[in-house]
Amino acid sequence: MSIDRSNSPRTDRRRRVELDPDTVERDIARFVLTVVELLRQLMERQALRRVESGELTDDQEERIGLTLMLLDDRMSELRSRFGLRPEELNIDLGPLGPLLPKAIQYSTSPTPRLGTFT
């Protein structure tokens, strides 16, 4: 009995981790910024839920909006520093699909999506 390993992860080049010493810093930055983007999106969704439920004061809404705007600006700066486009901040999870949802995969505008807080 032989086992067909032609489709195993070891032979599938798409699934291999290929390390290049020239791009390791950029690759690490891409991974870290992807995780930060995921957390930013989760924070944004939670903030929207809290605003819609009416449980926040006007000052709290203002602070959350400002914080998310600053985070969005900083993310843009970091992407620029490492030469990354917003659509590059995602991880393919294979059969599960991409880590970040396509509908709000990344922030593409210089202004935050929570502009209603101001």
PDB file of N, CA and C in Angstrom:
ATOM      1  N   MET A   1       0.843  -1.163   0.000  1.00  0.00           N
ATOM      2  CA  MET A   1       0.000   0.000   0.000  1.00  0.00           C
ATOM      3  C   MET A   1       0.894   1.233   0.000  1.00  0.00           C
ATOM      4  N   SER A   2       0.639   2.130  -0.919  1.00  0.00           N
ATOM      5  CA  SER A   2       1.431   3.364  -0.961  1.00  0.00           C
ATOM      6  C   SER A   2       0.509   4.552  -0.690  1.00  0.00           C
ATOM      7  N   ILE A   3       1.088   5.537  -0.132  1.00  0.00           N
ATOM      8  CA  ILE A   3       0.334   6.740   0.189  1.00  0.00           C
ATOM      9  C   ILE A   3       0.716   7.815  -0.812  1.00  0.00           C
ATOM     10  N   ASP A   4      -0.289   8.411  -1.416  1.00  0.00           N
ATOM     11  CA  ASP A   4      -0.050   9.480  -2.374  1.00  0.00           C
ATOM     12  C   ASP A   4       0.239  10.770  -1.609  1.00  0.00           C
ATOM     13  N   ARG A   5       1.461  11.203  -1.702  1.00  0.00           N
ATOM     14  CA  ARG A   5       1.863  12.430  -1.004  1.00  0.00           C
ATOM     15  C   ARG A   5       1.962  13.620  -1.959  1.00  0.00           C
ATOM     16  N   SER A   6       1.480  13.458  -3.165  1.00  0.00           N
ATOM     17  CA  SER A   6       1.607  14.542  -4.140  1.00  0.00           C
ATOM     18  C   SER A   6       0.799  15.774  -3.739  1.00  0.00           C
ATOM     19  N   ASN A   7      -0.261  15.586  -2.955  1.00  0.00           N
ATOM     20  CA  ASN A   7      -1.058  16.725  -2.506  1.00  0.00           C
ATOM     21  C   ASN A   7      -0.829  17.049  -1.041  1.00  0.00           C
ATOM     22  N   SER A   8       0.205  16.464  -0.457  1.00  0.00           N
ATOM     23  CA  SER A   8       0.455  16.733   0.953  1.00  0.00           C
ATOM     24  C   SER A   8       0.996  18.145   1.122  1.00  0.00           C
ATOM     25  N   PRO A   9       0.828  18.728   2.308  1.00  0.00           N
ATOM     26  CA  PRO A   9       1.335  20.082   2.539  1.00  0.00           C
ATOM     27  C   PRO A   9       2.824  20.222   2.296  1.00  0.00           C
ATOM     28  N   ARG A  10       3.571  19.122   2.431  1.00  0.00           N
ATOM     29  CA  ARG A  10       5.018  19.203   2.208  1.00  0.00           C
ATOM     30  C   ARG A  10       5.363  19.462   0.758  1.00  0.00           C
ATOM     31  N   THR A  11       4.525  18.986  -0.160  1.00  0.00           N
ATOM     32  CA  THR A  11       4.840  19.154  -1.572  1.00  0.00           C
ATOM     33  C   THR A  11       4.048  20.272  -2.220  1.00  0.00           C
ATOM     34  N   ASP A  12       3.076  20.807  -1.548  1.00  0.00           N
ATOM     35  CA  ASP A  12       2.265  21.893  -2.097  1.00  0.00           C
ATOM     36  C   ASP A  12       2.971  23.224  -1.820  1.00  0.00           C
ATOM     37  N   ARG A  13       3.548  23.848  -2.846  1.00  0.00           N
ATOM     38  CA  ARG A  13       4.343  25.065  -2.680  1.00  0.00           C
ATOM     39  C   ARG A  13       3.510  26.220  -2.138  1.00  0.00           C
ATOM     40  N   ARG A  14       2.216  26.242  -2.383  1.00  0.00           N
ATOM     41  CA  ARG A  14       1.380  27.332  -1.878  1.00  0.00           C
ATOM     42  C   ARG A  14       1.308  27.316  -0.362  1.00  0.00           C
ATOM     43  N   ARG A  15       1.491  26.186   0.252  1.00  0.00           N
ATOM     44  CA  ARG A  15       1.362  26.067   1.698  1.00  0.00           C
ATOM     45  C   ARG A  15       2.700  26.142   2.425  1.00  0.00           C
ATOM     46  N   ARG A  16       3.770  26.207   1.693  1.00  0.00           N
ATOM     47  CA  ARG A  16       5.096  26.261   2.311  1.00  0.00           C
ATOM     48  C   ARG A  16       5.390  27.646   2.843  1.00  0.00           C
ATOM     49  N   VAL A  17       6.109  27.665   3.915  1.00  0.00           N
ATOM     50  CA  VAL A  17       6.607  28.921   4.440  1.00  0.00           C
ATOM     51  C   VAL A  17       7.976  29.133   3.824  1.00  0.00           C
ATOM     52  N   GLU A  18       8.101  30.176   3.048  1.00  0.00           N
ATOM     53  CA  GLU A  18       9.370  30.474   2.418  1.00  0.00           C
ATOM     54  C   GLU A  18       9.924  31.733   3.061  1.00  0.00           C
ATOM     55  N   LEU A  19      11.057  31.588   3.705  1.00  0.00           N
ATOM     56  CA  LEU A  19      11.679  32.707   4.387  1.00  0.00           C
ATOM     57  C   LEU A  19      12.761  33.307   3.514  1.00  0.00           C
ATOM     58  N   ASP A  20      12.694  34.601   3.374  1.00  0.00           N
ATOM     59  CA  ASP A  20      13.686  35.325   2.605  1.00  0.00           C
ATOM     60  C   ASP A  20      14.305  36.365   3.526  1.00  0.00           C
ATOM     61  N   PRO A  21      15.602  36.283   3.790  1.00  0.00           N
ATOM     62  CA  PRO A  21      16.235  37.219   4.722  1.00  0.00           C
ATOM     63  C   PRO A  21      16.052  38.678   4.321  1.00  0.00           C
ATOM     64  N   ASP A  22      15.863  38.952   3.036  1.00  0.00           N
ATOM     65  CA  ASP A  22      15.706  40.323   2.578  1.00  0.00           C
ATOM     66  C   ASP A  22      14.325  40.904   2.895  1.00  0.00           C
ATOM     67  N   THR A  23      13.338  40.040   3.106  1.00  0.00           N
ATOM     68  CA  THR A  23      11.982  40.539   3.343  1.00  0.00           C
ATOM     69  C   THR A  23      11.426  40.156   4.710  1.00  0.00           C
ATOM     70  N   VAL A  24      12.248  39.602   5.581  1.00  0.00           N
ATOM     71  CA  VAL A  24      11.737  39.103   6.854  1.00  0.00           C
ATOM     72  C   VAL A  24      11.128  40.229   7.694  1.00  0.00           C
ATOM     73  N   GLU A  25      11.755  41.405   7.708  1.00  0.00           N
ATOM     74  CA  GLU A  25      11.202  42.516   8.485  1.00  0.00           C
ATOM     75  C   GLU A  25       9.827  42.920   7.956  1.00  0.00           C
ATOM     76  N   ARG A  26       9.703  43.014   6.640  1.00  0.00           N
ATOM     77  CA  ARG A  26       8.420  43.377   6.027  1.00  0.00           C
ATOM     78  C   ARG A  26       7.368  42.302   6.296  1.00  0.00           C
ATOM     79  N   ASP A  27       7.776  41.038   6.219  1.00  0.00           N
ATOM     80  CA  ASP A  27       6.837  39.938   6.454  1.00  0.00           C
ATOM     81  C   ASP A  27       6.337  39.926   7.896  1.00  0.00           C
ATOM     82  N   ILE A  28       7.240  40.192   8.832  1.00  0.00           N
ATOM     83  CA  ILE A  28       6.821  40.259  10.238  1.00  0.00           C
ATOM     84  C   ILE A  28       5.890  41.444  10.446  1.00  0.00           C
ATOM     85  N   ALA A  29       6.238  42.582   9.853  1.00  0.00           N
ATOM     86  CA  ALA A  29       5.378  43.771   9.967  1.00  0.00           C
ATOM     87  C   ALA A  29       4.002  43.483   9.372  1.00  0.00           C
ATOM     88  N   ARG A  30       3.968  42.790   8.253  1.00  0.00           N
ATOM     89  CA  ARG A  30       2.686  42.455   7.622  1.00  0.00           C
ATOM     90  C   ARG A  30       1.830  41.595   8.553  1.00  0.00           C
ATOM     91  N   PHE A  31       2.447  40.604   9.176  1.00  0.00           N
ATOM     92  CA  PHE A  31       1.719  39.736  10.094  1.00  0.00           C
ATOM     93  C   PHE A  31       1.194  40.520  11.294  1.00  0.00           C
ATOM     94  N   VAL A  32       2.072  41.324  11.914  1.00  0.00           N
ATOM     95  CA  VAL A  32       1.674  42.096  13.095  1.00  0.00           C
ATOM     96  C   VAL A  32       0.574  43.100  12.737  1.00  0.00           C
ATOM     97  N   LEU A  33       0.719  43.784  11.616  1.00  0.00           N
ATOM     98  CA  LEU A  33      -0.303  44.756  11.215  1.00  0.00           C
ATOM     99  C   LEU A  33      -1.626  44.076  10.870  1.00  0.00           C
ATOM    100  N   THR A  34      -1.570  42.855  10.370  1.00  0.00           N
ATOM    101  CA  THR A  34      -2.799  42.106  10.110  1.00  0.00           C
ATOM    102  C   THR A  34      -3.529  41.817  11.418  1.00  0.00           C
ATOM    103  N   VAL A  35      -2.796  41.409  12.435  1.00  0.00           N
ATOM    104  CA  VAL A  35      -3.404  41.137  13.744  1.00  0.00           C
ATOM    105  C   VAL A  35      -3.963  42.434  14.339  1.00  0.00           C
ATOM    106  N   VAL A  36      -3.219  43.516  14.226  1.00  0.00           N
ATOM    107  CA  VAL A  36      -3.699  44.813  14.733  1.00  0.00           C
ATOM    108  C   VAL A  36      -4.957  45.239  13.980  1.00  0.00           C
ATOM    109  N   GLU A  37      -4.991  45.029  12.678  1.00  0.00           N
ATOM    110  CA  GLU A  37      -6.180  45.380  11.892  1.00  0.00           C
ATOM    111  C   GLU A  37      -7.384  44.554  12.331  1.00  0.00           C
ATOM    112  N   LEU A  38      -7.182  43.287  12.604  1.00  0.00           N
ATOM    113  CA  LEU A  38      -8.269  42.445  13.097  1.00  0.00           C
ATOM    114  C   LEU A  38      -8.797  42.997  14.421  1.00  0.00           C
ATOM    115  N   LEU A  39      -7.896  43.322  15.327  1.00  0.00           N
ATOM    116  CA  LEU A  39      -8.307  43.881  16.621  1.00  0.00           C
ATOM    117  C   LEU A  39      -8.989  45.235  16.451  1.00  0.00           C
ATOM    118  N   ARG A  40      -8.497  46.057  15.527  1.00  0.00           N
ATOM    119  CA  ARG A  40      -9.116  47.356  15.269  1.00  0.00           C
ATOM    120  C   ARG A  40     -10.554  47.194  14.788  1.00  0.00           C
ATOM    121  N   GLN A  41     -10.753  46.236  13.890  1.00  0.00           N
ATOM    122  CA  GLN A  41     -12.109  45.989  13.391  1.00  0.00           C
ATOM    123  C   GLN A  41     -13.029  45.501  14.507  1.00  0.00           C
ATOM    124  N   LEU A  42     -12.518  44.634  15.368  1.00  0.00           N
ATOM    125  CA  LEU A  42     -13.328  44.141  16.488  1.00  0.00           C
ATOM    126  C   LEU A  42     -13.683  45.283  17.439  1.00  0.00           C
ATOM    127  N   MET A  43     -12.704  46.149  17.724  1.00  0.00           N
ATOM    128  CA  MET A  43     -12.956  47.300  18.596  1.00  0.00           C
ATOM    129  C   MET A  43     -13.989  48.236  17.969  1.00  0.00           C
ATOM    130  N   GLU A  44     -13.884  48.429  16.673  1.00  0.00           N
ATOM    131  CA  GLU A  44     -14.821  49.307  15.971  1.00  0.00           C
ATOM    132  C   GLU A  44     -16.244  48.755  16.039  1.00  0.00           C
ATOM    133  N   ARG A  45     -16.383  47.472  15.806  1.00  0.00           N
ATOM    134  CA  ARG A  45     -17.717  46.854  15.877  1.00  0.00           C
ATOM    135  C   ARG A  45     -18.305  46.965  17.280  1.00  0.00           C
ATOM    136  N   GLN A  46     -17.468  46.713  18.288  1.00  0.00           N
ATOM    137  CA  GLN A  46     -17.936  46.823  19.667  1.00  0.00           C
ATOM    138  C   GLN A  46     -18.343  48.259  19.981  1.00  0.00           C
ATOM    139  N   ALA A  47     -17.558  49.203  19.522  1.00  0.00           N
ATOM    140  CA  ALA A  47     -17.881  50.618  19.750  1.00  0.00           C
ATOM    141  C   ALA A  47     -19.210  50.975  19.099  1.00  0.00           C
ATOM    142  N   LEU A  48     -19.419  50.516  17.878  1.00  0.00           N
ATOM    143  CA  LEU A  48     -20.689  50.797  17.202  1.00  0.00           C
ATOM    144  C   LEU A  48     -21.873  50.199  17.960  1.00  0.00           C
ATOM    145  N   ARG A  49     -21.698  48.984  18.464  1.00  0.00           N
ATOM    146  CA  ARG A  49     -22.781  48.361  19.243  1.00  0.00           C
ATOM    147  C   ARG A  49     -23.098  49.187  20.494  1.00  0.00           C
ATOM    148  N   ARG A  50     -22.043  49.657  21.154  1.00  0.00           N
ATOM    149  CA  ARG A  50     -22.241  50.435  22.374  1.00  0.00           C
ATOM    150  C   ARG A  50     -22.898  51.781  22.073  1.00  0.00           C
ATOM    151  N   VAL A  51     -22.512  52.408  20.971  1.00  0.00           N
ATOM    152  CA  VAL A  51     -23.123  53.677  20.582  1.00  0.00           C
ATOM    153  C   VAL A  51     -24.593  53.465  20.244  1.00  0.00           C
ATOM    154  N   GLU A  52     -24.883  52.453  19.450  1.00  0.00           N
ATOM    155  CA  GLU A  52     -26.259  52.177  19.039  1.00  0.00           C
ATOM    156  C   GLU A  52     -27.144  51.799  20.218  1.00  0.00           C
ATOM    157  N   SER A  53     -26.568  51.178  21.239  1.00  0.00           N
ATOM    158  CA  SER A  53     -27.367  50.789  22.404  1.00  0.00           C
ATOM    159  C   SER A  53     -27.628  51.972  23.325  1.00  0.00           C
ATOM    160  N   GLY A  54     -26.900  53.077  23.115  1.00  0.00           N
ATOM    161  CA  GLY A  54     -27.112  54.264  23.925  1.00  0.00           C
ATOM    162  C   GLY A  54     -26.465  54.218  25.300  1.00  0.00           C
ATOM    163  N   GLU A  55     -25.544  53.293  25.512  1.00  0.00           N
ATOM    164  CA  GLU A  55     -24.948  53.147  26.839  1.00  0.00           C
ATOM    165  C   GLU A  55     -23.749  54.067  27.073  1.00  0.00           C
ATOM    166  N   LEU A  56     -23.341  54.852  26.065  1.00  0.00           N
ATOM    167  CA  LEU A  56     -22.190  55.732  26.201  1.00  0.00           C
ATOM    168  C   LEU A  56     -22.613  57.191  26.309  1.00  0.00           C
ATOM    169  N   THR A  57     -21.838  57.951  27.054  1.00  0.00           N
ATOM    170  CA  THR A  57     -22.064  59.395  27.109  1.00  0.00           C
ATOM    171  C   THR A  57     -21.478  60.015  25.845  1.00  0.00           C
ATOM    172  N   ASP A  58     -21.800  61.279  25.612  1.00  0.00           N
ATOM    173  CA  ASP A  58     -21.248  61.977  24.451  1.00  0.00           C
ATOM    174  C   ASP A  58     -19.721  62.049  24.535  1.00  0.00           C
ATOM    175  N   ASP A  59     -19.194  62.276  25.725  1.00  0.00           N
ATOM    176  CA  ASP A  59     -17.741  62.329  25.898  1.00  0.00           C
ATOM    177  C   ASP A  59     -17.090  60.983  25.589  1.00  0.00           C
ATOM    178  N   GLN A  60     -17.706  59.901  26.025  1.00  0.00           N
ATOM    179  CA  GLN A  60     -17.160  58.570  25.747  1.00  0.00           C
ATOM    180  C   GLN A  60     -17.183  58.277  24.250  1.00  0.00           C
ATOM    181  N   GLU A  61     -18.263  58.660  23.586  1.00  0.00           N
ATOM    182  CA  GLU A  61     -18.348  58.467  22.139  1.00  0.00           C
ATOM    183  C   GLU A  61     -17.248  59.251  21.438  1.00  0.00           C
ATOM    184  N   GLU A  62     -17.032  60.458  21.883  1.00  0.00           N
ATOM    185  CA  GLU A  62     -15.997  61.310  21.297  1.00  0.00           C
ATOM    186  C   GLU A  62     -14.608  60.689  21.476  1.00  0.00           C
ATOM    187  N   ARG A  63     -14.323  60.194  22.675  1.00  0.00           N
ATOM    188  CA  ARG A  63     -13.018  59.572  22.937  1.00  0.00           C
ATOM    189  C   ARG A  63     -12.812  58.316  22.109  1.00  0.00           C
ATOM    190  N   ILE A  64     -13.838  57.495  22.010  1.00  0.00           N
ATOM    191  CA  ILE A  64     -13.720  56.267  21.213  1.00  0.00           C
ATOM    192  C   ILE A  64     -13.488  56.620  19.745  1.00  0.00           C
ATOM    193  N   GLY A  65     -14.255  57.569  19.251  1.00  0.00           N
ATOM    194  CA  GLY A  65     -14.088  57.992  17.857  1.00  0.00           C
ATOM    195  C   GLY A  65     -12.698  58.525  17.589  1.00  0.00           C
ATOM    196  N   LEU A  66     -12.194  59.362  18.488  1.00  0.00           N
ATOM    197  CA  LEU A  66     -10.855  59.928  18.334  1.00  0.00           C
ATOM    198  C   LEU A  66      -9.789  58.836  18.387  1.00  0.00           C
ATOM    199  N   THR A  67      -9.940  57.921  19.315  1.00  0.00           N
ATOM    200  CA  THR A  67      -8.979  56.811  19.441  1.00  0.00           C
ATOM    201  C   THR A  67      -8.933  55.972  18.171  1.00  0.00           C
ATOM    202  N   LEU A  68     -10.103  55.657  17.634  1.00  0.00           N
ATOM    203  CA  LEU A  68     -10.147  54.851  16.411  1.00  0.00           C
ATOM    204  C   LEU A  68      -9.588  55.626  15.218  1.00  0.00           C
ATOM    205  N   MET A  69      -9.813  56.939  15.174  1.00  0.00           N
ATOM    206  CA  MET A  69      -9.244  57.758  14.097  1.00  0.00           C
ATOM    207  C   MET A  69      -7.716  57.762  14.180  1.00  0.00           C
ATOM    208  N   LEU A  70      -7.187  57.918  15.388  1.00  0.00           N
ATOM    209  CA  LEU A  70      -5.740  57.923  15.568  1.00  0.00           C
ATOM    210  C   LEU A  70      -5.126  56.569  15.206  1.00  0.00           C
ATOM    211  N   LEU A  71      -5.800  55.500  15.586  1.00  0.00           N
ATOM    212  CA  LEU A  71      -5.317  54.160  15.246  1.00  0.00           C
ATOM    213  C   LEU A  71      -5.309  53.962  13.733  1.00  0.00           C
ATOM    214  N   ASP A  72      -6.351  54.434  13.069  1.00  0.00           N
ATOM    215  CA  ASP A  72      -6.421  54.324  11.618  1.00  0.00           C
ATOM    216  C   ASP A  72      -5.280  55.102  10.959  1.00  0.00           C
ATOM    217  N   ASP A  73      -5.011  56.311  11.460  1.00  0.00           N
ATOM    218  CA  ASP A  73      -3.901  57.106  10.927  1.00  0.00           C
ATOM    219  C   ASP A  73      -2.565  56.408  11.134  1.00  0.00           C
ATOM    220  N   ARG A  74      -2.371  55.865  12.314  1.00  0.00           N
ATOM    221  CA  ARG A  74      -1.108  55.177  12.621  1.00  0.00           C
ATOM    222  C   ARG A  74      -0.935  53.928  11.761  1.00  0.00           C
ATOM    223  N   MET A  75      -2.020  53.208  11.537  1.00  0.00           N
ATOM    224  CA  MET A  75      -1.958  52.030  10.664  1.00  0.00           C
ATOM    225  C   MET A  75      -1.533  52.445   9.253  1.00  0.00           C
ATOM    226  N   SER A  76      -2.070  53.542   8.759  1.00  0.00           N
ATOM    227  CA  SER A  76      -1.687  54.034   7.424  1.00  0.00           C
ATOM    228  C   SER A  76      -0.203  54.365   7.379  1.00  0.00           C
ATOM    229  N   GLU A  77       0.292  55.017   8.420  1.00  0.00           N
ATOM    230  CA  GLU A  77       1.717  55.355   8.487  1.00  0.00           C
ATOM    231  C   GLU A  77       2.580  54.092   8.476  1.00  0.00           C
ATOM    232  N   LEU A  78       2.199  53.121   9.268  1.00  0.00           N
ATOM    233  CA  LEU A  78       2.994  51.891   9.345  1.00  0.00           C
ATOM    234  C   LEU A  78       2.953  51.106   8.041  1.00  0.00           C
ATOM    235  N   ARG A  79       1.780  51.065   7.407  1.00  0.00           N
ATOM    236  CA  ARG A  79       1.696  50.391   6.103  1.00  0.00           C
ATOM    237  C   ARG A  79       2.635  51.072   5.109  1.00  0.00           C
ATOM    238  N   SER A  80       2.634  52.393   5.108  1.00  0.00           N
ATOM    239  CA  SER A  80       3.503  53.138   4.192  1.00  0.00           C
ATOM    240  C   SER A  80       4.970  52.858   4.491  1.00  0.00           C
ATOM    241  N   ARG A  81       5.316  52.835   5.759  1.00  0.00           N
ATOM    242  CA  ARG A  81       6.711  52.595   6.147  1.00  0.00           C
ATOM    243  C   ARG A  81       7.231  51.268   5.619  1.00  0.00           C
ATOM    244  N   PHE A  82       6.374  50.245   5.630  1.00  0.00           N
ATOM    245  CA  PHE A  82       6.803  48.918   5.196  1.00  0.00           C
ATOM    246  C   PHE A  82       6.373  48.598   3.762  1.00  0.00           C
ATOM    247  N   GLY A  83       5.835  49.591   3.064  1.00  0.00           N
ATOM    248  CA  GLY A  83       5.454  49.387   1.670  1.00  0.00           C
ATOM    249  C   GLY A  83       4.320  48.410   1.488  1.00  0.00           C
ATOM    250  N   LEU A  84       3.357  48.445   2.393  1.00  0.00           N
ATOM    251  CA  LEU A  84       2.220  47.522   2.335  1.00  0.00           C
ATOM    252  C   LEU A  84       0.957  48.256   1.905  1.00  0.00           C
ATOM    253  N   ARG A  85       0.185  47.610   1.067  1.00  0.00           N
ATOM    254  CA  ARG A  85      -1.129  48.134   0.690  1.00  0.00           C
ATOM    255  C   ARG A  85      -2.158  47.570   1.672  1.00  0.00           C
ATOM    256  N   PRO A  86      -3.258  48.282   1.883  1.00  0.00           N
ATOM    257  CA  PRO A  86      -4.268  47.788   2.838  1.00  0.00           C
ATOM    258  C   PRO A  86      -4.749  46.369   2.537  1.00  0.00           C
ATOM    259  N   GLU A  87      -4.902  46.044   1.252  1.00  0.00           N
ATOM    260  CA  GLU A  87      -5.405  44.709   0.903  1.00  0.00           C
ATOM    261  C   GLU A  87      -4.396  43.604   1.177  1.00  0.00           C
ATOM    262  N   GLU A  88      -3.153  43.952   1.460  1.00  0.00           N
ATOM    263  CA  GLU A  88      -2.149  42.943   1.798  1.00  0.00           C
ATOM    264  C   GLU A  88      -2.236  42.502   3.260  1.00  0.00           C
ATOM    265  N   LEU A  89      -3.027  43.207   4.043  1.00  0.00           N
ATOM    266  CA  LEU A  89      -3.145  42.861   5.462  1.00  0.00           C
ATOM    267  C   LEU A  89      -4.250  41.835   5.659  1.00  0.00           C
ATOM    268  N   ASN A  90      -3.944  40.633   5.344  1.00  0.00           N
ATOM    269  CA  ASN A  90      -4.884  39.539   5.540  1.00  0.00           C
ATOM    270  C   ASN A  90      -4.092  38.241   5.519  1.00  0.00           C
ATOM    271  N   ILE A  91      -4.666  37.229   6.076  1.00  0.00           N
ATOM    272  CA  ILE A  91      -4.034  35.909   6.094  1.00  0.00           C
ATOM    273  C   ILE A  91      -5.028  34.922   5.512  1.00  0.00           C
ATOM    274  N   ASP A  92      -4.569  34.136   4.553  1.00  0.00           N
ATOM    275  CA  ASP A  92      -5.409  33.096   3.966  1.00  0.00           C
ATOM    276  C   ASP A  92      -5.396  31.900   4.901  1.00  0.00           C
ATOM    277  N   LEU A  93      -6.559  31.555   5.414  1.00  0.00           N
ATOM    278  CA  LEU A  93      -6.675  30.424   6.334  1.00  0.00           C
ATOM    279  C   LEU A  93      -7.068  29.135   5.614  1.00  0.00           C
ATOM    280  N   GLY A  94      -6.733  29.058   4.349  1.00  0.00           N
ATOM    281  CA  GLY A  94      -7.017  27.861   3.569  1.00  0.00           C
ATOM    282  C   GLY A  94      -8.497  27.639   3.395  1.00  0.00           C
ATOM    283  N   PRO A  95      -9.005  26.471   3.780  1.00  0.00           N
ATOM    284  CA  PRO A  95     -10.419  26.174   3.565  1.00  0.00           C
ATOM    285  C   PRO A  95     -11.359  27.069   4.377  1.00  0.00           C
ATOM    286  N   LEU A  96     -10.845  27.720   5.400  1.00  0.00           N
ATOM    287  CA  LEU A  96     -11.677  28.625   6.199  1.00  0.00           C
ATOM    288  C   LEU A  96     -11.849  29.985   5.547  1.00  0.00           C
ATOM    289  N   GLY A  97     -11.005  30.289   4.588  1.00  0.00           N
ATOM    290  CA  GLY A  97     -11.075  31.575   3.904  1.00  0.00           C
ATOM    291  C   GLY A  97     -10.134  32.588   4.539  1.00  0.00           C
ATOM    292  N   PRO A  98     -10.307  33.857   4.176  1.00  0.00           N
ATOM    293  CA  PRO A  98      -9.415  34.890   4.710  1.00  0.00           C
ATOM    294  C   PRO A  98      -9.735  35.213   6.170  1.00  0.00           C
ATOM    295  N   LEU A  99      -8.722  35.675   6.903  1.00  0.00           N
ATOM    296  CA  LEU A  99      -8.901  36.039   8.300  1.00  0.00           C
ATOM    297  C   LEU A  99      -9.841  37.227   8.447  1.00  0.00           C
ATOM    298  N   LEU A 100      -9.627  38.260   7.629  1.00  0.00           N
ATOM    299  CA  LEU A 100     -10.459  39.460   7.703  1.00  0.00           C
ATOM    300  C   LEU A 100     -11.623  39.341   6.733  1.00  0.00           C
ATOM    301  N   PRO A 101     -12.819  39.709   7.187  1.00  0.00           N
ATOM    302  CA  PRO A 101     -13.984  39.624   6.292  1.00  0.00           C
ATOM    303  C   PRO A 101     -13.833  40.578   5.114  1.00  0.00           C
ATOM    304  N   LYS A 102     -14.332  40.162   3.956  1.00  0.00           N
ATOM    305  CA  LYS A 102     -14.193  40.967   2.747  1.00  0.00           C
ATOM    306  C   LYS A 102     -14.979  42.271   2.812  1.00  0.00           C
ATOM    307  N   ALA A 103     -16.121  42.281   3.462  1.00  0.00           N
ATOM    308  CA  ALA A 103     -16.956  43.479   3.486  1.00  0.00           C
ATOM    309  C   ALA A 103     -16.236  44.664   4.117  1.00  0.00           C
ATOM    310  N   ILE A 104     -15.487  44.425   5.193  1.00  0.00           N
ATOM    311  CA  ILE A 104     -14.725  45.493   5.830  1.00  0.00           C
ATOM    312  C   ILE A 104     -13.313  44.996   6.081  1.00  0.00           C
ATOM    313  N   GLN A 105     -12.711  44.491   5.041  1.00  0.00           N
ATOM    314  CA  GLN A 105     -11.413  43.842   5.167  1.00  0.00           C
ATOM    315  C   GLN A 105     -10.334  44.791   5.670  1.00  0.00           C
ATOM    316  N   TYR A 106     -10.384  46.031   5.252  1.00  0.00           N
ATOM    317  CA  TYR A 106      -9.360  46.976   5.655  1.00  0.00           C
ATOM    318  C   TYR A 106      -9.880  48.377   5.448  1.00  0.00           C
ATOM    319  N   SER A 107      -9.272  49.278   6.123  1.00  0.00           N
ATOM    320  CA  SER A 107      -9.627  50.674   5.989  1.00  0.00           C
ATOM    321  C   SER A 107      -8.913  51.241   4.772  1.00  0.00           C
ATOM    322  N   THR A 108      -9.660  51.814   3.839  1.00  0.00           N
ATOM    323  CA  THR A 108      -9.045  52.353   2.635  1.00  0.00           C
ATOM    324  C   THR A 108      -9.130  53.862   2.583  1.00  0.00           C
ATOM    325  N   SER A 109      -9.881  54.446   3.469  1.00  0.00           N
ATOM    326  CA  SER A 109     -10.033  55.894   3.433  1.00  0.00           C
ATOM    327  C   SER A 109      -9.157  56.530   4.497  1.00  0.00           C
ATOM    328  N   PRO A 110      -8.727  57.773   4.248  1.00  0.00           N
ATOM    329  CA  PRO A 110      -7.926  58.438   5.263  1.00  0.00           C
ATOM    330  C   PRO A 110      -8.742  58.828   6.480  1.00  0.00           C
ATOM    331  N   THR A 111     -10.061  58.865   6.334  1.00  0.00           N
ATOM    332  CA  THR A 111     -10.919  59.197   7.460  1.00  0.00           C
ATOM    333  C   THR A 111     -11.526  57.923   8.006  1.00  0.00           C
ATOM    334  N   PRO A 112     -11.746  57.828   9.297  1.00  0.00           N
ATOM    335  CA  PRO A 112     -12.277  56.607   9.885  1.00  0.00           C
ATOM    336  C   PRO A 112     -13.739  56.408   9.547  1.00  0.00           C
ATOM    337  N   ARG A 113     -14.169  55.174   9.691  1.00  0.00           N
ATOM    338  CA  ARG A 113     -15.564  54.851   9.421  1.00  0.00           C
ATOM    339  C   ARG A 113     -16.473  55.285  10.568  1.00  0.00           C
ATOM    340  N   LEU A 114     -15.891  55.679  11.674  1.00  0.00           N
ATOM    341  CA  LEU A 114     -16.712  56.090  12.813  1.00  0.00           C
ATOM    342  C   LEU A 114     -16.787  57.604  12.929  1.00  0.00           C
ATOM    343  N   GLY A 115     -16.842  58.282  11.815  1.00  0.00           N
ATOM    344  CA  GLY A 115     -16.892  59.738  11.812  1.00  0.00           C
ATOM    345  C   GLY A 115     -18.138  60.285  12.473  1.00  0.00           C
ATOM    346  N   THR A 116     -19.121  59.435  12.723  1.00  0.00           N
ATOM    347  CA  THR A 116     -20.353  59.895  13.363  1.00  0.00           C
ATOM    348  C   THR A 116     -20.136  60.217  14.827  1.00  0.00           C
ATOM    349  N   PHE A 117     -18.991  59.848  15.382  1.00  0.00           N
ATOM    350  CA  PHE A 117     -18.738  60.120  16.790  1.00  0.00           C
ATOM    351  C   PHE A 117     -18.425  61.592  17.051  1.00  0.00           C
ATOM    352  N   THR A 118     -18.009  62.317  16.029  1.00  0.00           N
ATOM    353  CA  THR A 118     -17.601  63.707  16.266  1.00  0.00           C
ATOM    354  C   THR A 118     -18.778  64.640  16.237  1.00  0.00           C
TER     355      THR A 118
END
